[in-house]
Protein backbone atom coordinates (compact mmCIF):
# COMPACT_ATOMS: atom_id res chain seq x y z
CA MET A 1 2.50 -6.88 10.23
CA LYS A 2 5.25 -6.16 12.77
CA THR A 3 6.68 -3.53 10.40
CA ARG A 4 3.37 -1.66 10.26
CA PHE A 5 3.18 -1.59 14.05
CA PHE A 6 6.77 -0.33 14.21
CA TYR A 7 6.03 2.54 11.81
CA LEU A 8 2.79 3.37 13.61
CA ALA A 9 4.62 3.44 16.95
CA LEU A 10 7.37 5.57 15.41
CA ALA A 11 4.82 8.01 13.99
CA LEU A 12 2.98 8.27 17.31
CA ALA A 13 6.26 8.80 19.15
CA LEU A 14 7.26 11.57 16.73
CA ILE A 15 3.88 13.25 17.03
CA SER A 16 3.99 13.01 20.84
CA PHE A 17 7.52 14.40 20.89
CA ALA A 18 6.45 17.16 18.53
CA ALA A 19 3.50 18.16 20.70
CA PHE A 20 5.64 18.14 23.85
CA SER A 21 8.45 20.23 22.38
CA GLN A 22 6.13 22.59 20.45
CA SER A 23 7.39 21.30 17.15
CA HIS A 24 5.85 22.05 13.80
CA VAL A 25 4.47 18.87 12.21
CA GLN A 26 2.83 18.16 8.86
CA SER A 27 1.81 14.81 7.40
CA ALA A 28 -0.14 13.25 4.56
CA ALA A 29 -0.73 10.03 2.69
CA PHE A 30 0.85 9.25 -0.68
CA SER A 31 0.14 6.85 -3.50
CA LEU A 32 1.96 6.13 -6.75
CA ASP A 33 0.54 3.98 -9.55
CA LYS A 34 0.14 3.85 -13.34
CA ASN A 35 -1.66 7.22 -13.18
CA THR A 36 1.45 8.89 -11.74
CA LYS A 37 3.44 10.81 -14.37
CA GLU A 38 6.36 8.69 -15.67
CA PHE A 39 5.55 5.79 -13.29
CA GLY A 40 7.31 2.87 -15.05
CA LEU A 41 7.87 0.67 -11.96
CA ASP A 42 5.66 -2.02 -13.48
CA ASN A 43 7.60 -2.70 -16.67
CA GLY A 44 11.13 -3.14 -17.92
CA LYS A 45 14.23 -4.27 -16.11
CA GLY A 46 17.06 -2.55 -14.29
CA ASP A 47 16.81 0.61 -12.21
CA ARG A 48 13.47 2.43 -12.46
CA VAL A 49 12.32 5.46 -10.48
CA ALA A 50 8.96 7.14 -9.86
CA GLN A 51 8.70 10.46 -8.05
CA ILE A 52 6.08 12.88 -6.78
CA GLU A 53 6.60 16.43 -5.60
CA VAL A 54 5.28 17.19 -2.11
CA THR A 55 4.59 20.82 -1.20
CA PHE A 56 4.01 21.62 2.46
CA SER A 57 0.72 23.42 3.20
CA THR A 58 2.71 25.89 5.32
CA PRO A 59 6.45 26.35 4.76
CA PHE A 60 8.65 25.43 7.70
CA GLU A 61 10.94 28.03 9.30
CA SER A 62 13.89 25.65 8.85
CA LYS A 63 14.49 22.47 6.86
CA PRO A 64 12.39 19.67 8.42
CA GLU A 65 13.15 16.02 9.01
CA VAL A 66 10.98 13.70 6.90
CA VAL A 67 9.93 10.16 7.87
CA ILE A 68 8.23 7.93 5.28
CA ALA A 69 6.25 4.76 6.00
CA VAL A 70 5.05 2.35 3.31
CA SER A 71 1.73 0.65 4.09
CA THR A 72 0.58 -0.73 0.71
CA VAL A 73 2.43 -2.44 -2.13
CA ASP A 74 0.83 -4.17 -5.11
CA ALA A 75 3.50 -6.13 -6.97
CA SER A 76 3.94 -9.09 -9.28
CA LYS A 77 4.15 -12.47 -7.56
CA GLU A 78 6.31 -13.71 -10.44
CA THR A 79 9.42 -11.72 -9.42
CA ASN A 80 11.18 -10.67 -6.23
CA LEU A 81 9.90 -7.50 -4.59
CA ARG A 82 12.64 -4.86 -4.42
CA TYR A 83 12.04 -1.20 -3.57
CA SER A 84 13.39 1.77 -1.72
CA VAL A 85 11.46 4.89 -0.73
CA LYS A 86 13.13 8.12 0.34
CA ALA A 87 12.72 11.87 0.58
CA ILE A 88 15.15 13.81 -1.59
CA GLY A 89 15.67 17.52 -2.02
CA VAL A 90 14.06 18.36 1.32
CA SER A 91 13.57 22.11 1.82
CA ARG A 92 11.41 24.43 3.91
CA ASP A 93 8.75 24.30 1.16
CA GLY A 94 8.59 20.57 0.38
CA PHE A 95 10.47 17.55 -0.94
CA THR A 96 10.49 14.91 -3.65
CA LEU A 97 9.23 11.48 -2.62
CA GLN A 98 11.20 8.93 -4.64
CA VAL A 99 10.38 5.23 -5.11
CA LYS A 100 12.98 3.05 -6.79
CA THR A 101 12.95 -0.58 -7.92
CA TRP A 102 15.55 -2.62 -9.80
CA GLU A 103 16.28 -5.91 -11.56
CA ASP A 104 13.04 -7.50 -12.82
CA SER A 105 10.71 -6.40 -9.97
CA LYS A 106 7.31 -5.16 -11.04
CA ILE A 107 5.42 -2.77 -8.73
CA PHE A 108 1.90 -1.85 -9.82
CA SER A 109 1.23 0.60 -6.96
CA ILE A 110 2.78 1.70 -3.68
CA GLY A 111 1.45 3.93 -0.95
CA GLY A 112 1.87 5.05 2.63
CA SER A 113 2.34 8.23 4.59
CA TRP A 114 4.96 10.81 5.45
CA ILE A 115 5.58 13.06 8.45
CA ALA A 116 7.71 16.21 8.33
CA TYR A 117 8.71 17.94 11.56
CA THR A 118 10.95 20.60 13.08
CA ASN A 119 11.43 21.96 16.57
CA LYS A 120 10.39 25.45 15.48
CA LYS A 121 7.30 26.74 13.71
């Protein structure tokens, strides 16, 4: 619960900073599950990765910073929960949102939101 409040406070701070400094900000929710192409986080062992491509509605003038917050995870109670979420390949046009798990963890779905921002439009 404290983590959610931290990410919410961080998001609000970034949005406030963005509005004050006339930054360009875009955000959206994300969700990955068995309907996501090549999901595979719910079976097997070892390193497993699921990715989605995010395209910005309006390209940024320069490469933005991307902040990702996870708000929902549905996982097996029979194994430890292990995951990392990051933005890779960030460009003016978009990025790849990557979720990784390892060992015997089983993730059935994961979701949250992302915020991309720059100081210029």
